[in-house]
Amino acid sequence: MSDLETRKRMLVAESEVYRELLKLQIHNLRIDGIRARKRFKIFRIFSPLLMMSLPMAGSLFKAKRRRFTWKRIGALAFVAWRFYQKVGAVLGGFAARSRHQATAAEEYLEKRI
């Protein structure tokens, strides 16, 4: 009977270890999810700009071949420069702020270590 009792205790201890391991893995998945959201946040910022610029890019590479004249290239450069003036400063501010902020998960890990 003592052999059966010791095996039972070992199984209970092993299941407790696996339960704690599962809790840690779930916690790690939550932290990874927070990091992934933070990394891909930049795509949410740039997606409207990408959607707005796709028609412009499409008009440049249409099926019928047009010759690129200096007048057309100059007009395109001027439009791009004006667009950068209006949008570039705003996006640069977002990118600079997002680099220096730590997520809650990273702060938590720094405190624990």
C-alpha atoms as a PDB file:
ATOM      1  CA  MET A   1       0.000   0.000   0.000  1.00  0.00           C
ATOM      2  CA  SER A   2       2.869   2.390   0.674  1.00  0.00           C
ATOM      3  CA  ASP A   3       4.166   1.974  -2.891  1.00  0.00           C
ATOM      4  CA  LEU A   4       0.758   2.942  -4.255  1.00  0.00           C
ATOM      5  CA  GLU A   5       0.625   5.877  -1.832  1.00  0.00           C
ATOM      6  CA  THR A   6       4.034   7.186  -2.926  1.00  0.00           C
ATOM      7  CA  ARG A   7       3.117   6.877  -6.624  1.00  0.00           C
ATOM      8  CA  LYS A   8      -0.078   8.793  -5.958  1.00  0.00           C
ATOM      9  CA  ARG A   9       1.838  11.577  -4.207  1.00  0.00           C
ATOM     10  CA  MET A  10       4.358  11.722  -7.049  1.00  0.00           C
ATOM     11  CA  LEU A  11       1.558  12.035  -9.616  1.00  0.00           C
ATOM     12  CA  VAL A  12      -0.075  14.817  -7.592  1.00  0.00           C
ATOM     13  CA  ALA A  13       3.243  16.661  -7.355  1.00  0.00           C
ATOM     14  CA  GLU A  14       3.884  16.204 -11.080  1.00  0.00           C
ATOM     15  CA  SER A  15       0.438  17.513 -11.983  1.00  0.00           C
ATOM     16  CA  GLU A  16       1.024  20.548  -9.744  1.00  0.00           C
ATOM     17  CA  VAL A  17       4.302  21.241 -11.545  1.00  0.00           C
ATOM     18  CA  TYR A  18       2.571  21.001 -14.933  1.00  0.00           C
ATOM     19  CA  ARG A  19      -0.213  23.293 -13.727  1.00  0.00           C
ATOM     20  CA  GLU A  20       2.312  25.945 -12.704  1.00  0.00           C
ATOM     21  CA  LEU A  21       4.171  25.509 -16.015  1.00  0.00           C
ATOM     22  CA  LEU A  22       0.928  26.057 -17.896  1.00  0.00           C
ATOM     23  CA  LYS A  23       0.271  29.253 -15.911  1.00  0.00           C
ATOM     24  CA  LEU A  24       3.735  30.547 -16.804  1.00  0.00           C
ATOM     25  CA  GLN A  25       3.282  29.732 -20.476  1.00  0.00           C
ATOM     26  CA  ILE A  26      -0.057  31.558 -20.584  1.00  0.00           C
ATOM     27  CA  HIS A  27       1.570  34.538 -18.893  1.00  0.00           C
ATOM     28  CA  ASN A  28       4.378  34.493 -21.482  1.00  0.00           C
ATOM     29  CA  LEU A  29       1.815  34.377 -24.301  1.00  0.00           C
ATOM     30  CA  ARG A  30       0.092  37.454 -22.885  1.00  0.00           C
ATOM     31  CA  ILE A  31       3.412  39.311 -22.741  1.00  0.00           C
ATOM     32  CA  ASP A  32       4.240  38.268 -26.314  1.00  0.00           C
ATOM     33  CA  GLY A  33       0.814  39.467 -27.425  1.00  0.00           C
ATOM     34  CA  ILE A  34       1.440  42.881 -25.884  1.00  0.00           C
ATOM     35  CA  ARG A  35       4.833  43.109 -27.591  1.00  0.00           C
ATOM     36  CA  ALA A  36       3.360  42.086 -30.947  1.00  0.00           C
ATOM     37  CA  ARG A  37       0.618  44.711 -30.660  1.00  0.00           C
ATOM     38  CA  LYS A  38       3.232  47.331 -29.895  1.00  0.00           C
ATOM     39  CA  ARG A  39       5.434  46.275 -32.825  1.00  0.00           C
ATOM     40  CA  PHE A  40       2.613  46.275 -35.344  1.00  0.00           C
ATOM     41  CA  LYS A  41       1.112  49.515 -34.076  1.00  0.00           C
ATOM     42  CA  ILE A  42       3.190  51.364 -36.674  1.00  0.00           C
ATOM     43  CA  PHE A  43       1.261  49.568 -39.457  1.00  0.00           C
ATOM     44  CA  ARG A  44      -2.021  50.927 -38.096  1.00  0.00           C
ATOM     45  CA  ILE A  45      -0.567  54.419 -38.371  1.00  0.00           C
ATOM     46  CA  PHE A  46       0.716  53.983 -41.922  1.00  0.00           C
ATOM     47  CA  SER A  47      -2.182  51.967 -43.381  1.00  0.00           C
ATOM     48  CA  PRO A  48      -4.337  55.024 -44.280  1.00  0.00           C
ATOM     49  CA  LEU A  49      -1.328  56.587 -45.978  1.00  0.00           C
ATOM     50  CA  LEU A  50      -0.652  53.404 -47.892  1.00  0.00           C
ATOM     51  CA  MET A  51      -4.251  53.167 -49.025  1.00  0.00           C
ATOM     52  CA  MET A  52      -4.136  56.787 -50.123  1.00  0.00           C
ATOM     53  CA  SER A  53      -0.876  56.383 -52.029  1.00  0.00           C
ATOM     54  CA  LEU A  54      -1.812  53.186 -53.918  1.00  0.00           C
ATOM     55  CA  PRO A  55      -3.917  54.980 -56.562  1.00  0.00           C
ATOM     56  CA  MET A  56      -1.059  57.408 -57.157  1.00  0.00           C
ATOM     57  CA  ALA A  57       1.386  54.555 -57.597  1.00  0.00           C
ATOM     58  CA  GLY A  58      -1.071  52.723 -59.843  1.00  0.00           C
ATOM     59  CA  SER A  59      -1.382  55.709 -62.116  1.00  0.00           C
ATOM     60  CA  LEU A  60       2.381  55.722 -62.589  1.00  0.00           C
ATOM     61  CA  PHE A  61       2.533  52.077 -63.681  1.00  0.00           C
ATOM     62  CA  LYS A  62      -0.556  51.703 -65.861  1.00  0.00           C
ATOM     63  CA  ALA A  63      -0.727  49.188 -68.680  1.00  0.00           C
ATOM     64  CA  LYS A  64      -0.165  51.690 -71.434  1.00  0.00           C
ATOM     65  CA  ARG A  65       3.376  52.984 -71.407  1.00  0.00           C
ATOM     66  CA  ARG A  66       3.840  56.702 -71.123  1.00  0.00           C
ATOM     67  CA  ARG A  67       7.078  58.462 -71.444  1.00  0.00           C
ATOM     68  CA  PHE A  68       8.346  60.101 -68.313  1.00  0.00           C
ATOM     69  CA  THR A  69       8.920  63.696 -69.222  1.00  0.00           C
ATOM     70  CA  TRP A  70      10.757  66.163 -67.016  1.00  0.00           C
ATOM     71  CA  LYS A  71       7.516  68.065 -66.567  1.00  0.00           C
ATOM     72  CA  ARG A  72       5.737  64.971 -65.234  1.00  0.00           C
ATOM     73  CA  ILE A  73       8.627  63.948 -62.992  1.00  0.00           C
ATOM     74  CA  GLY A  74       8.845  67.491 -61.614  1.00  0.00           C
ATOM     75  CA  ALA A  75       5.108  67.580 -60.897  1.00  0.00           C
ATOM     76  CA  LEU A  76       5.321  64.216 -59.137  1.00  0.00           C
ATOM     77  CA  ALA A  77       8.293  65.359 -57.048  1.00  0.00           C
ATOM     78  CA  PHE A  78       6.427  68.538 -56.091  1.00  0.00           C
ATOM     79  CA  VAL A  79       3.344  66.555 -54.993  1.00  0.00           C
ATOM     80  CA  ALA A  80       5.518  64.161 -52.980  1.00  0.00           C
ATOM     81  CA  TRP A  81       7.345  67.051 -51.329  1.00  0.00           C
ATOM     82  CA  ARG A  82       4.058  68.773 -50.352  1.00  0.00           C
ATOM     83  CA  PHE A  83       2.706  65.491 -49.023  1.00  0.00           C
ATOM     84  CA  TYR A  84       5.836  64.967 -46.939  1.00  0.00           C
ATOM     85  CA  GLN A  85       5.571  68.495 -45.547  1.00  0.00           C
ATOM     86  CA  LYS A  86       2.004  67.915 -44.403  1.00  0.00           C
ATOM     87  CA  VAL A  87       2.269  64.350 -43.136  1.00  0.00           C
ATOM     88  CA  GLY A  88       5.964  63.714 -42.452  1.00  0.00           C
ATOM     89  CA  ALA A  89       6.252  65.856 -39.332  1.00  0.00           C
ATOM     90  CA  VAL A  90       3.206  64.235 -37.756  1.00  0.00           C
ATOM     91  CA  LEU A  91       4.402  60.698 -38.461  1.00  0.00           C
ATOM     92  CA  GLY A  92       7.916  61.478 -37.286  1.00  0.00           C
ATOM     93  CA  GLY A  93       6.508  62.549 -33.927  1.00  0.00           C
ATOM     94  CA  PHE A  94       4.522  59.316 -33.588  1.00  0.00           C
ATOM     95  CA  ALA A  95       7.512  57.152 -34.428  1.00  0.00           C
ATOM     96  CA  ALA A  96       9.804  58.988 -31.991  1.00  0.00           C
ATOM     97  CA  ARG A  97       7.330  58.643 -29.118  1.00  0.00           C
ATOM     98  CA  SER A  98       6.618  54.962 -29.761  1.00  0.00           C
ATOM     99  CA  ARG A  99      10.305  53.995 -29.604  1.00  0.00           C
ATOM    100  CA  HIS A 100      10.933  55.269 -26.095  1.00  0.00           C
ATOM    101  CA  GLN A 101       7.851  53.988 -24.255  1.00  0.00           C
ATOM    102  CA  ALA A 102       8.086  50.620 -22.541  1.00  0.00           C
ATOM    103  CA  THR A 103       5.046  48.370 -22.455  1.00  0.00           C
ATOM    104  CA  ALA A 104       3.447  47.325 -19.208  1.00  0.00           C
ATOM    105  CA  ALA A 105       4.749  43.798 -19.728  1.00  0.00           C
ATOM    106  CA  GLU A 106       8.337  45.003 -20.123  1.00  0.00           C
ATOM    107  CA  GLU A 107       8.038  47.149 -17.002  1.00  0.00           C
ATOM    108  CA  TYR A 108       6.650  44.176 -15.117  1.00  0.00           C
ATOM    109  CA  LEU A 109       9.537  41.985 -16.240  1.00  0.00           C
ATOM    110  CA  GLU A 110      12.105  44.621 -15.276  1.00  0.00           C
ATOM    111  CA  LYS A 111      10.666  44.772 -11.777  1.00  0.00           C
ATOM    112  CA  ARG A 112      10.656  40.987 -11.447  1.00  0.00           C
ATOM    113  CA  ILE A 113      14.265  40.529 -12.564  1.00  0.00           C
END
